[in-house]
Protein backbone atom coordinates (compact mmCIF):
# COMPACT_ATOMS: atom_id res chain seq x y z
CA MET A 1 0.00 0.00 0.00
CA LYS A 2 1.26 3.47 -0.93
CA PHE A 3 0.44 6.90 0.42
CA SER A 4 0.66 10.38 -1.03
CA SER A 5 3.82 12.09 0.13
CA LYS A 6 1.72 15.09 1.19
CA PRO A 7 1.07 15.13 4.96
CA LEU A 8 -2.19 17.02 4.36
CA SER A 9 -3.49 14.24 2.11
CA GLN A 10 -2.49 11.63 4.71
CA THR A 11 -4.26 13.60 7.43
CA VAL A 12 -7.52 13.78 5.48
CA SER A 13 -7.57 10.13 4.44
CA GLN A 14 -6.67 8.85 7.92
CA LEU A 15 -9.34 10.93 9.62
CA CYS A 16 -11.97 9.95 7.03
CA LEU A 17 -11.08 6.33 7.71
CA ALA A 18 -11.31 6.78 11.47
CA LYS A 19 -14.76 8.37 11.15
CA GLU A 20 -16.08 5.71 8.73
CA ALA A 21 -16.37 8.15 5.84
CA THR A 22 -15.15 5.47 3.46
CA HIS A 23 -17.19 6.13 0.30
CA ILE A 24 -15.31 8.59 -1.89
CA VAL A 25 -16.54 10.06 -5.20
CA ILE A 26 -13.64 11.43 -7.24
CA SER A 27 -13.70 13.64 -10.31
CA PRO A 28 -10.48 13.42 -12.35
CA GLY A 29 -7.99 16.26 -12.05
CA SER A 30 -4.36 17.02 -11.34
CA ARG A 31 -4.33 19.31 -8.32
CA ASN A 32 -6.34 16.73 -6.38
CA ALA A 33 -3.85 13.94 -7.22
CA PRO A 34 -2.59 13.70 -3.60
CA LEU A 35 -6.16 13.06 -2.44
CA THR A 36 -6.90 10.63 -5.25
CA ILE A 37 -3.75 8.66 -4.45
CA GLY A 38 -4.54 8.67 -0.73
CA PHE A 39 -8.03 7.24 -1.20
CA THR A 40 -7.58 4.87 -4.14
CA GLU A 41 -4.43 3.23 -2.77
CA HIS A 42 -6.12 2.26 0.51
CA PRO A 43 -8.23 -0.94 0.40
CA GLU A 44 -10.73 0.23 3.03
CA PHE A 45 -12.05 3.06 0.84
CA THR A 46 -14.71 2.46 -1.81
CA CYS A 47 -13.96 4.90 -4.61
CA TYR A 48 -16.07 5.98 -7.58
CA SER A 49 -14.84 7.95 -10.58
CA ILE A 50 -17.38 10.40 -12.06
CA VAL A 51 -16.18 13.07 -14.46
CA ASP A 52 -18.97 15.67 -14.22
CA GLU A 53 -18.66 17.33 -10.80
CA ARG A 54 -22.33 18.26 -10.57
CA CYS A 55 -23.33 14.67 -11.25
CA ALA A 56 -20.62 13.42 -8.89
CA ALA A 57 -21.93 15.51 -6.01
CA PHE A 58 -25.52 14.37 -6.49
CA PHE A 59 -24.35 10.77 -6.86
CA ALA A 60 -22.57 11.17 -3.51
CA LEU A 61 -25.74 12.72 -2.09
CA GLY A 62 -27.68 9.58 -3.09
CA LEU A 63 -25.06 7.38 -1.45
CA ALA A 64 -25.17 9.40 1.79
CA GLN A 65 -28.98 9.46 1.71
CA GLN A 66 -29.01 5.68 1.89
CA LEU A 67 -25.91 5.01 4.01
CA GLN A 68 -26.75 7.71 6.56
CA LYS A 69 -23.00 8.31 6.82
CA PRO A 70 -20.72 11.03 5.42
CA VAL A 71 -19.75 10.57 1.78
CA ALA A 72 -16.90 12.63 0.36
CA VAL A 73 -16.55 14.24 -3.05
CA VAL A 74 -13.06 15.08 -4.29
CA CYS A 75 -12.26 17.61 -7.01
CA THR A 76 -9.43 19.62 -8.49
CA SER A 77 -9.03 23.38 -8.07
CA GLY A 78 -10.88 26.13 -9.91
CA SER A 79 -14.48 26.06 -11.08
CA ALA A 80 -14.77 22.32 -10.37
CA LEU A 81 -16.01 22.82 -6.82
CA LEU A 82 -18.61 25.39 -7.96
CA ASN A 83 -20.35 22.56 -9.77
CA TYR A 84 -20.89 20.92 -6.38
CA PHE A 85 -22.97 23.87 -5.19
CA PRO A 86 -26.47 22.59 -6.16
CA ALA A 87 -25.86 19.32 -4.31
CA VAL A 88 -24.32 21.18 -1.35
CA ALA A 89 -27.48 23.29 -1.08
CA GLU A 90 -29.67 20.20 -1.32
CA ALA A 91 -27.61 18.47 1.39
CA TYR A 92 -27.90 21.57 3.58
CA TYR A 93 -31.70 21.67 3.43
CA SER A 94 -32.17 17.88 3.43
CA ASP A 95 -29.78 17.19 6.33
CA ILE A 96 -27.46 14.89 4.38
CA PRO A 97 -23.78 14.53 5.43
CA LEU A 98 -21.91 15.48 2.25
CA VAL A 99 -18.19 16.22 2.61
CA VAL A 100 -16.56 18.41 -0.07
CA LEU A 101 -12.78 17.92 -0.35
CA SER A 102 -11.48 20.53 -2.77
CA ALA A 103 -7.84 20.73 -3.84
CA ASP A 104 -6.47 24.25 -4.14
CA ARG A 105 -3.39 26.13 -5.29
CA PRO A 106 -1.06 27.31 -2.52
CA PRO A 107 -1.66 30.96 -1.47
CA HIS A 108 1.24 32.44 -3.44
CA LEU A 109 -0.34 31.22 -6.72
CA LEU A 110 -3.77 32.74 -6.08
CA GLU A 111 -5.00 35.92 -7.78
CA ILE A 112 -1.87 36.29 -9.94
CA GLY A 113 -3.34 35.03 -13.21
CA ASP A 114 -2.46 31.36 -12.74
CA GLY A 115 -4.76 28.79 -14.38
CA GLN A 116 -7.60 26.98 -12.64
CA THR A 117 -7.69 29.29 -9.65
CA ILE A 118 -10.63 30.97 -7.98
CA GLN A 119 -11.23 32.15 -4.42
CA GLN A 120 -12.13 28.78 -2.90
CA GLU A 121 -12.13 29.56 0.82
CA ASN A 122 -15.67 29.81 2.22
CA VAL A 123 -17.05 29.59 -1.32
CA TYR A 124 -20.35 27.98 -0.21
CA GLY A 125 -21.21 30.81 2.17
CA LYS A 126 -24.28 30.13 4.28
CA HIS A 127 -25.08 26.80 2.65
CA ILE A 128 -22.41 24.88 4.54
CA LEU A 129 -22.30 23.82 8.20
CA TYR A 130 -18.54 24.23 8.50
CA ALA A 131 -15.72 25.40 6.22
CA ALA A 132 -12.23 24.18 7.07
CA ASN A 133 -9.54 26.15 5.26
CA CYS A 134 -6.38 24.12 5.65
CA LYS A 135 -2.78 25.26 5.24
CA GLU A 136 0.14 23.47 3.66
CA GLY A 137 3.30 22.74 5.65
CA GLU A 138 4.41 20.76 8.69
CA LYS A 139 4.11 23.77 11.00
CA HIS A 140 0.35 23.78 10.37
CA GLN A 141 -0.21 20.10 11.20
CA ILE A 142 -2.02 20.62 14.51
CA TYR A 143 -4.17 23.37 13.00
CA ASN A 144 -5.11 21.13 10.06
CA GLU A 145 -5.91 18.14 12.26
CA THR A 146 -8.16 20.32 14.38
CA GLU A 147 -9.99 21.82 11.39
CA ILE A 148 -10.51 18.50 9.65
CA ASN A 149 -11.73 16.84 12.86
CA ILE A 150 -14.22 19.64 13.43
CA ALA A 151 -15.47 19.55 9.84
CA LEU A 152 -15.98 15.79 9.68
CA ASN A 153 -17.52 15.67 13.15
CA THR A 154 -19.92 18.46 12.19
CA ALA A 155 -21.10 16.46 9.17
CA ILE A 156 -21.70 13.46 11.44
CA GLU A 157 -23.21 15.27 14.41
CA LEU A 158 -25.46 17.71 12.54
CA SER A 159 -26.13 15.63 9.39
CA GLY A 160 -25.22 18.20 6.79
CA PRO A 161 -22.59 19.35 4.28
CA VAL A 162 -19.10 20.56 5.16
CA HIS A 163 -16.26 21.90 3.04
CA ILE A 164 -12.56 21.15 3.54
CA ASN A 165 -10.29 23.20 1.27
CA LEU A 166 -6.83 21.69 0.82
CA PRO A 167 -3.91 23.56 -0.82
CA PHE A 168 -1.23 21.44 -2.51
CA SER A 169 1.96 22.63 -4.15
CA GLU A 170 3.82 20.62 -6.78
CA PRO A 171 5.02 17.89 -7.09
CA LEU A 172 1.62 16.27 -6.72
CA TYR A 173 2.15 12.63 -7.63
CA HIS A 174 4.93 11.49 -5.28
CA THR A 175 4.17 8.54 -3.03
CA VAL A 176 5.73 7.01 0.08
CA GLU A 177 5.63 3.54 1.61
CA ASP A 178 4.62 4.67 5.09
CA LEU A 179 2.71 7.46 6.78
CA SER A 180 4.66 10.51 7.84
CA VAL A 181 1.84 11.76 10.09
CA ARG A 182 -0.66 9.98 12.30
CA PRO A 183 -3.36 12.53 13.09
CA GLN A 184 -5.26 12.49 16.34
CA HIS A 185 -8.82 11.31 15.90
CA VAL A 186 -11.34 13.25 17.98
CA PRO A 187 -14.53 11.13 17.93
CA ALA A 188 -17.82 12.72 16.93
CA ARG A 189 -20.55 13.04 19.52
CA LYS A 190 -24.01 12.39 18.13
CA LEU A 191 -26.80 14.58 19.43
CA ASP A 192 -28.97 13.14 22.19
CA LYS A 193 -32.23 12.81 20.35
CA GLU A 194 -34.17 11.44 23.29
CA GLN A 195 -34.51 14.31 25.72
CA ILE A 196 -37.30 16.79 26.44
CA ALA A 197 -37.28 19.65 28.94
CA THR A 198 -39.76 18.70 31.67
CA GLY A 199 -41.21 22.17 32.26
CA GLU A 200 -42.03 22.99 28.66
CA PHE A 201 -43.33 19.48 27.99
CA LYS A 202 -45.89 19.75 30.78
CA ASN A 203 -47.44 22.75 29.02
CA LEU A 204 -47.54 20.87 25.72
CA VAL A 205 -49.35 17.93 27.32
CA GLU A 206 -51.93 20.24 28.90
CA THR A 207 -52.61 21.90 25.53
CA TRP A 208 -52.81 18.55 23.75
CA ASN A 209 -55.26 17.16 26.32
CA SER A 210 -57.55 20.18 26.00
CA SER A 211 -57.68 20.24 22.17
CA ALA A 212 -60.35 18.41 20.19
CA LYS A 213 -58.85 19.15 16.75
CA LYS A 214 -55.20 18.14 16.36
CA MET A 215 -53.52 17.87 12.99
CA VAL A 216 -50.26 15.98 12.50
CA LEU A 217 -48.56 16.93 9.23
CA ILE A 218 -45.54 14.86 8.22
CA GLY A 219 -42.99 15.92 5.59
CA VAL A 220 -39.99 14.07 4.16
CA LEU A 221 -39.02 11.23 6.49
CA GLN A 222 -36.61 8.31 6.33
CA PRO A 223 -38.37 4.91 6.25
CA ASN A 224 -38.88 3.31 9.69
CA SER A 225 -38.39 6.62 11.52
CA ILE A 226 -41.59 6.12 13.52
CA SER A 227 -42.27 2.84 15.32
CA GLU A 228 -45.37 0.81 14.51
CA LYS A 229 -46.55 1.32 18.09
CA GLN A 230 -46.57 5.11 17.75
CA ILE A 231 -48.18 4.92 14.31
CA GLN A 232 -50.99 2.86 15.84
CA VAL A 233 -51.40 5.24 18.79
CA LEU A 234 -51.75 8.23 16.45
CA ALA A 235 -54.19 6.37 14.23
CA GLU A 236 -56.46 5.43 17.15
CA ASP A 237 -56.68 8.97 18.55
CA LYS A 238 -60.06 10.28 17.35
CA SER A 239 -59.02 13.89 17.98
CA VAL A 240 -56.01 13.57 15.63
CA LEU A 241 -55.98 13.84 11.84
CA VAL A 242 -52.69 12.63 10.33
CA LEU A 243 -51.72 13.98 6.91
CA THR A 244 -48.81 12.31 5.13
CA GLU A 245 -47.11 12.53 1.75
CA THR A 246 -45.43 9.93 -0.45
CA THR A 247 -42.05 11.05 0.93
CA SER A 248 -43.26 10.64 4.54
CA ASN A 249 -42.89 6.85 4.30
CA LEU A 250 -45.68 6.36 6.87
CA HIS A 251 -48.85 4.35 6.28
CA HIS A 252 -52.09 3.52 8.08
CA PRO A 253 -55.72 3.30 6.91
CA ASN A 254 -56.58 6.17 9.28
CA PHE A 255 -53.91 8.43 7.79
CA ILE A 256 -54.65 10.67 4.82
CA PRO A 257 -51.83 10.28 2.25
CA ALA A 258 -53.25 12.41 -0.59
CA ILE A 259 -53.51 15.86 0.98
CA ASP A 260 -54.47 17.77 -2.18
CA GLN A 261 -57.13 15.19 -2.92
CA LEU A 262 -58.71 15.92 0.49
CA ILE A 263 -58.55 19.70 0.67
CA SER A 264 -59.12 20.71 -2.95
CA SER A 265 -62.46 22.42 -3.53
CA LEU A 266 -63.24 22.90 0.18
CA ASP A 267 -65.40 25.96 0.79
CA LYS A 268 -64.73 28.48 3.55
CA THR A 269 -67.01 26.74 6.06
CA GLU A 270 -65.31 23.39 5.47
CA MET A 271 -61.87 24.94 5.75
CA GLU A 272 -62.85 26.51 9.07
CA ALA A 273 -63.97 23.07 10.25
CA LEU A 274 -60.63 21.60 9.17
CA ARG A 275 -58.59 24.30 10.92
CA PRO A 276 -56.71 22.56 13.77
CA ASP A 277 -56.35 23.80 17.34
CA VAL A 278 -52.88 22.22 17.46
CA LEU A 279 -50.65 21.60 14.45
CA LEU A 280 -47.86 19.10 15.12
CA THR A 281 -45.27 18.70 12.36
CA PHE A 282 -42.17 16.62 11.89
CA GLY A 283 -40.08 15.47 8.99
CA GLY A 284 -38.58 17.63 6.25
CA MET A 285 -40.08 19.75 3.49
CA VAL A 286 -43.77 19.43 2.60
CA VAL A 287 -44.66 19.11 -1.10
CA SER A 288 -48.30 20.21 -1.05
CA LYS A 289 -48.74 23.90 -1.85
CA ARG A 290 -52.43 23.60 -1.01
CA ILE A 291 -51.82 22.59 2.61
CA LYS A 292 -49.32 25.43 3.01
CA ALA A 293 -51.82 27.95 1.65
CA PHE A 294 -54.59 26.53 3.84
CA LEU A 295 -52.60 26.61 7.08
CA ARG A 296 -51.30 30.10 6.37
CA LYS A 297 -54.83 31.41 5.88
CA PHE A 298 -56.59 29.26 8.49
CA LYS A 299 -53.85 29.31 11.10
CA PRO A 300 -53.82 26.80 13.96
CA GLN A 301 -53.93 28.19 17.48
CA THR A 302 -50.45 26.79 17.98
CA HIS A 303 -47.84 25.02 15.86
CA TRP A 304 -45.18 22.66 17.27
CA HIS A 305 -42.34 21.21 15.25
CA VAL A 306 -40.32 18.20 16.39
CA ASP A 307 -36.80 17.83 15.02
CA PRO A 308 -33.42 17.47 16.75
CA LYS A 309 -31.87 20.14 14.54
CA LYS A 310 -34.18 22.84 13.19
CA ALA A 311 -37.72 24.16 12.82
CA TYR A 312 -39.14 26.31 10.01
CA ASP A 313 -42.02 28.68 10.62
CA THR A 314 -43.64 27.52 7.38
CA PHE A 315 -47.17 28.49 8.41
CA PHE A 316 -46.28 31.64 10.37
CA ALA A 317 -47.68 30.12 13.57
CA LEU A 318 -44.70 28.29 15.10
CA GLU A 319 -44.66 28.51 18.90
CA HIS A 320 -42.56 25.54 19.97
CA HIS A 321 -39.57 23.63 18.64
CA SER A 322 -38.95 20.34 20.42
CA LYS A 323 -35.34 19.36 19.71
CA THR A 324 -35.81 15.65 19.94
CA ASN A 325 -36.58 12.54 17.92
CA PRO A 326 -40.23 12.48 16.69
CA ASP A 327 -40.73 8.85 17.74
CA PHE A 328 -39.47 9.64 21.25
CA PHE A 329 -41.65 12.77 21.39
CA LEU A 330 -44.76 10.78 20.50
CA GLN A 331 -43.87 8.10 23.02
CA LYS A 332 -43.52 10.67 25.80
CA LEU A 333 -46.62 12.61 24.71
CA TYR A 334 -48.89 9.59 24.70
CA SER A 335 -47.56 8.32 28.00
CA GLU A 336 -49.20 11.39 29.59
CA CYS A 337 -52.10 12.36 27.34
CA LEU A 338 -55.78 11.71 28.06
CA PRO A 339 -58.61 10.66 25.73
CA VAL A 340 -60.44 13.60 24.15
CA GLU A 341 -64.02 13.46 22.92
CA SER A 342 -63.90 14.40 19.23
CA ASP A 343 -65.26 13.56 15.79
CA TYR A 344 -62.43 15.44 14.03
CA GLN A 345 -60.69 12.39 12.57
CA GLN A 346 -63.89 10.57 11.64
CA LYS A 347 -65.37 13.59 9.85
CA TRP A 348 -62.40 13.98 7.55
CA LEU A 349 -61.92 10.27 6.99
CA SER A 350 -65.51 10.26 5.70
CA VAL A 351 -64.66 13.07 3.29
CA ARG A 352 -61.58 11.16 2.22
CA LYS A 353 -63.63 7.99 1.60
CA HIS A 354 -65.85 9.93 -0.79
CA ARG A 355 -62.83 11.45 -2.52
CA VAL A 356 -61.16 8.05 -2.93
CA GLY A 357 -64.33 6.63 -4.51
CA GLN A 358 -64.49 9.52 -6.96
CA HIS A 359 -60.74 9.18 -7.59
CA ALA A 360 -61.18 5.53 -8.63
CA VAL A 361 -64.04 6.34 -11.03
CA TYR A 362 -62.18 9.24 -12.62
CA THR A 363 -58.94 7.28 -12.98
CA ASN A 364 -60.75 4.53 -14.88
CA LYS A 365 -62.38 6.92 -17.33
CA ALA A 366 -59.53 9.43 -17.76
CA PRO A 367 -57.99 9.63 -21.24
CA PHE A 368 -54.36 8.78 -21.94
CA SER A 369 -52.44 11.61 -20.30
CA ASP A 370 -49.83 12.30 -17.63
CA PHE A 371 -52.44 11.60 -14.95
CA LYS A 372 -53.41 8.26 -16.49
CA VAL A 373 -49.78 7.26 -16.97
CA PHE A 374 -48.81 7.96 -13.36
CA ALA A 375 -51.87 6.05 -12.15
CA GLN A 376 -50.90 3.04 -14.25
CA ILE A 377 -47.25 3.14 -13.23
CA PHE A 378 -48.01 3.29 -9.51
CA GLU A 379 -50.43 0.39 -9.89
CA MET A 380 -47.88 -1.82 -11.63
CA LEU A 381 -44.69 -1.05 -9.74
CA PRO A 382 -43.27 -4.16 -8.02
CA ASN A 383 -43.36 -4.34 -4.22
CA ASN A 384 -40.37 -3.70 -1.95
CA ILE A 385 -38.60 -1.24 -4.22
CA GLN A 386 -36.80 1.98 -3.55
CA LEU A 387 -38.72 4.62 -5.50
CA GLN A 388 -36.82 7.78 -6.40
CA LEU A 389 -38.92 10.68 -7.67
CA ALA A 390 -37.82 13.65 -9.73
CA ASN A 391 -39.11 17.08 -8.80
CA SER A 392 -41.66 19.30 -10.52
CA ALA A 393 -44.70 17.47 -11.93
CA THR A 394 -43.46 13.98 -11.02
CA VAL A 395 -43.43 14.39 -7.24
CA ARG A 396 -46.69 16.36 -7.36
CA TYR A 397 -48.57 13.70 -9.32
CA ALA A 398 -47.25 11.13 -6.86
CA GLN A 399 -49.08 12.93 -4.04
CA LEU A 400 -52.44 12.05 -5.60
CA PHE A 401 -52.00 8.31 -5.20
CA ASP A 402 -51.81 6.01 -2.18
CA LEU A 403 -48.56 4.18 -2.86
CA ASP A 404 -47.82 0.67 -1.66
CA PRO A 405 -46.48 0.68 1.93
CA SER A 406 -43.59 -1.57 0.88
CA PHE A 407 -42.08 1.26 -1.21
CA GLN A 408 -39.27 3.38 0.22
CA VAL A 409 -39.78 6.80 -1.37
CA TYR A 410 -37.21 9.56 -1.82
CA CYS A 411 -37.01 12.91 -3.58
CA ASN A 412 -34.62 15.88 -3.44
CA ARG A 413 -37.08 18.16 -1.64
CA GLY A 414 -34.46 20.26 0.17
CA THR A 415 -34.29 22.79 -2.65
CA SER A 416 -36.84 21.06 -4.92
CA GLY A 417 -34.64 21.46 -7.99
CA ILE A 418 -34.70 19.27 -11.09
CA ASP A 419 -30.89 19.33 -11.29
CA GLY A 420 -29.24 16.13 -10.17
CA SER A 421 -32.31 13.96 -9.54
CA THR A 422 -31.07 11.20 -11.88
CA SER A 423 -27.59 11.28 -10.36
CA THR A 424 -29.05 11.09 -6.86
CA ALA A 425 -31.18 8.10 -7.82
CA ILE A 426 -28.18 6.27 -9.26
CA GLY A 427 -26.10 6.93 -6.14
CA ALA A 428 -28.96 5.70 -3.98
CA ALA A 429 -29.31 2.60 -6.15
CA VAL A 430 -25.63 1.78 -5.68
CA ALA A 431 -25.99 1.99 -1.89
CA SER A 432 -29.31 0.16 -1.60
CA THR A 433 -30.01 -3.56 -1.51
CA LYS A 434 -33.44 -2.96 -3.08
CA GLN A 435 -34.24 -2.54 -6.74
CA THR A 436 -34.35 1.19 -7.46
CA VAL A 437 -36.93 2.70 -9.80
CA PHE A 438 -36.49 6.33 -10.83
CA LEU A 439 -39.60 8.12 -12.04
CA THR A 440 -38.94 11.37 -13.87
CA GLY A 441 -40.14 13.86 -16.45
CA ASP A 442 -38.45 14.66 -19.74
CA LEU A 443 -36.90 17.99 -18.69
CA SER A 444 -35.55 16.62 -15.41
CA PHE A 445 -34.06 13.66 -17.24
CA LEU A 446 -32.49 15.65 -20.06
CA TYR A 447 -31.18 18.31 -17.66
CA ASP A 448 -29.17 15.66 -15.79
CA SER A 449 -28.34 13.39 -18.73
CA ASN A 450 -24.64 13.31 -17.78
CA ALA A 451 -25.77 11.17 -14.85
CA LEU A 452 -25.68 8.24 -17.26
CA TRP A 453 -21.94 8.84 -17.83
CA ASN A 454 -21.39 6.50 -14.93
CA GLU A 455 -19.88 3.03 -14.77
CA HIS A 456 -21.55 2.18 -11.46
CA ILE A 457 -25.23 1.93 -12.49
CA PRO A 458 -26.66 -1.37 -11.18
CA SER A 459 -28.19 -3.66 -13.78
CA SER A 460 -31.46 -3.68 -11.81
CA PHE A 461 -31.81 0.12 -12.03
CA ARG A 462 -34.93 1.29 -13.89
CA ILE A 463 -35.84 4.74 -15.23
CA VAL A 464 -39.38 5.65 -16.29
CA ILE A 465 -39.60 8.95 -18.19
CA VAL A 466 -42.96 10.64 -18.70
CA ASN A 467 -42.24 12.74 -21.78
CA ASN A 468 -44.84 15.43 -22.49
CA SER A 469 -42.42 17.34 -24.74
CA GLY A 470 -41.76 20.19 -22.33
CA GLY A 471 -42.31 21.62 -18.86
CA GLY A 472 -45.87 20.37 -18.52
CA ILE A 473 -46.24 21.67 -14.96
CA PHE A 474 -46.37 25.24 -16.29
CA ARG A 475 -49.63 24.46 -18.09
CA ILE A 476 -51.24 23.92 -14.70
CA LEU A 477 -50.26 27.41 -13.53
CA PRO A 478 -52.25 30.58 -14.38
CA GLY A 479 -51.52 32.43 -17.62
CA ASP A 480 -51.96 32.29 -21.39
CA LYS A 481 -51.01 28.79 -22.57
CA ASN A 482 -51.24 29.46 -26.31
CA GLY A 483 -48.76 32.27 -26.82
CA GLU A 484 -45.35 31.76 -28.40
CA ALA A 485 -43.60 33.24 -25.36
CA PHE A 486 -45.24 30.66 -23.07
CA GLN A 487 -44.24 27.73 -25.25
CA GLN A 488 -40.66 28.95 -25.66
CA TYR A 489 -39.79 30.36 -22.25
CA PHE A 490 -42.03 28.46 -19.83
CA GLU A 491 -43.14 25.18 -21.35
CA THR A 492 -39.89 24.90 -23.42
CA LYS A 493 -41.34 22.69 -26.14
CA HIS A 494 -38.96 20.15 -27.67
CA GLN A 495 -38.92 16.91 -29.67
CA LEU A 496 -35.99 15.25 -27.89
CA THR A 497 -36.06 11.65 -26.66
CA ALA A 498 -33.86 9.44 -24.51
CA GLU A 499 -33.30 6.87 -27.24
CA HIS A 500 -29.88 7.94 -28.48
CA LEU A 501 -28.59 8.67 -24.97
CA CYS A 502 -29.50 5.11 -23.99
CA LYS A 503 -27.70 3.75 -27.03
CA MET A 504 -24.61 5.80 -26.22
CA TYR A 505 -24.53 4.63 -22.60
CA SER A 506 -25.57 0.99 -23.30
CA LEU A 507 -28.92 1.09 -21.51
CA GLU A 508 -31.90 -0.93 -22.73
CA TYR A 509 -34.56 1.36 -24.15
CA VAL A 510 -38.26 0.98 -24.87
CA SER A 511 -40.86 3.63 -25.70
CA VAL A 512 -44.67 3.63 -25.67
CA THR A 513 -47.34 6.05 -26.85
CA SER A 514 -50.57 4.47 -25.58
CA GLU A 515 -52.14 2.97 -22.47
CA THR A 516 -52.14 -0.55 -23.91
CA GLY A 517 -48.50 -0.17 -24.86
CA LEU A 518 -47.65 1.08 -21.37
CA VAL A 519 -49.39 -1.82 -19.64
CA ALA A 520 -47.66 -4.33 -21.90
CA ALA A 521 -44.23 -2.75 -21.36
CA LEU A 522 -44.59 -2.55 -17.57
CA LYS A 523 -45.33 -6.28 -17.29
CA THR A 524 -41.72 -7.16 -18.13
CA PHE A 525 -39.88 -3.88 -17.57
CA PHE A 526 -38.75 -4.66 -14.02
CA ASN A 527 -37.48 -8.16 -14.81
CA ASN A 528 -33.76 -8.85 -14.74
CA SER A 529 -32.05 -8.50 -18.12
CA GLY A 530 -28.47 -7.85 -17.06
CA LYS A 531 -28.69 -4.15 -18.00
CA PRO A 532 -30.24 -0.97 -16.64
CA LYS A 533 -33.44 -0.10 -18.53
CA VAL A 534 -35.25 3.05 -19.60
CA LEU A 535 -38.96 3.22 -20.41
CA GLU A 536 -40.03 6.44 -22.12
CA VAL A 537 -43.75 7.18 -22.15
CA PHE A 538 -44.88 9.86 -24.59
CA THR A 539 -48.03 11.73 -23.55
CA PRO A 540 -50.10 14.39 -25.37
CA SER A 541 -48.97 17.71 -23.90
CA ASN A 542 -52.08 19.66 -24.93
CA ILE A 543 -54.56 17.86 -22.62
CA ASN A 544 -52.55 17.09 -19.46
CA ASP A 545 -53.53 20.29 -17.66
CA GLU A 546 -57.20 19.86 -18.58
CA VAL A 547 -57.26 16.27 -17.30
CA LEU A 548 -55.68 17.26 -13.98
CA LEU A 549 -57.93 20.28 -13.41
CA GLU A 550 -60.98 18.20 -14.27
CA TYR A 551 -59.80 15.59 -11.75
CA PHE A 552 -60.03 18.07 -8.87
CA ASN A 553 -63.48 19.17 -10.03
CA TYR A 554 -64.66 15.57 -10.33
CA ILE A 555 -63.60 14.30 -6.91
CA ARG A 556 -65.53 17.08 -5.19
């Protein structure tokens, strides 16, 4: 085994190893050669080579999403690390431990007109939990060890992105047979997620016990975050209405998974009846714009958010942030709460039952369209898969359907961008033992097409593209849909397909243009063929918005 001759490279690799940050995504370059040597020469690191830095960072994000451990991305100096920024922002808002290791020129070569140099220190600004700006030279060893320990520990302890900037002077490729430094490892200390201040909790219990209308709204959540016991307790509380989303990964017949389906077309009297006394939220970002608008207009008397790290005042009514684990919070809450006479849950479950009946009728009679395609796909997906969703229309259509509880559902909802969703799905597929299915739209797929420039895609990986020849979601929004400006600058009409990309990257490809063709293709699409597969479904762009708007009118 060989090591880079650079003590700074040895320090980084040894501390990453000590902290179990052993998955390393490397983009080729020269200035980062000491880091590349340090990681690839050591057998305990799993290294991936991905050329496009933006794709590399989102691939690493997918790995970290599944592993729940820090994953490092390594790049050369210059604009390379700027391409990490979208994934860094996503990691920041989605609480994913992404570690950026950027090689840099030494200080005397900065801002003098040398190639591949930018001002790299603190380049991610407020979108990073910690920025370690290391220094080259033996006299800075203790300083560097301290900074790197703090950065890596921050990623572990606070579950978020950190940046370690590492200057290297030439020569860059020299190796040695043994380590010249053995850095001190300062272990990370994970937050205690099972503690609640007694005084404040007493007040919460009193409020909970005196409220007949309690709404629990759950955003993005890792699978198995809430125990079955606490799920059952919530479901049996008649004064509690639980609203979930596909990305909540929580299921019970007494929960309402399709929020927009429930609250669309409610009149003012019904909305007042739905207004909760107490709003309890946990999990990450919420997809539904309708529930946000409703709770901002019909504010709860009080809003509590449960999360060990942070709380957003999304509905402008936040009064309490409980910095603890949601499962522990529910356990403690229900160990002290009393039964409350209420018909709140039953009333809205009755409304939901009507909506679900209307949903089934409409789905059967709907014409071939985006809505019909998503309905068919969700019905025919195999059980026990990891389902990765692209943003924009894809994740929003998914909210209208009650997905199988065996699915593990993910989406980049931190910043809700379309950039990197394919790369994230591939990284997640590499780290998961389940078959991964990525459901996306045409613009999201084409925007991140370099994601397929990747030698690590599992043969079981499946991509389903719903191609409506443009940004179909914009047709749902207000405005003139027939003007040239709309079609060019909002909808972005195109005639591109995935066929030639699949041929270039050796992926199996099949396309369909009808419901019968879709059903036939889905019957065999998920079977093993020794290659990743892409199914492209072409839908008529001119009726998708009408079908969706009619859906909300029909289920009323």
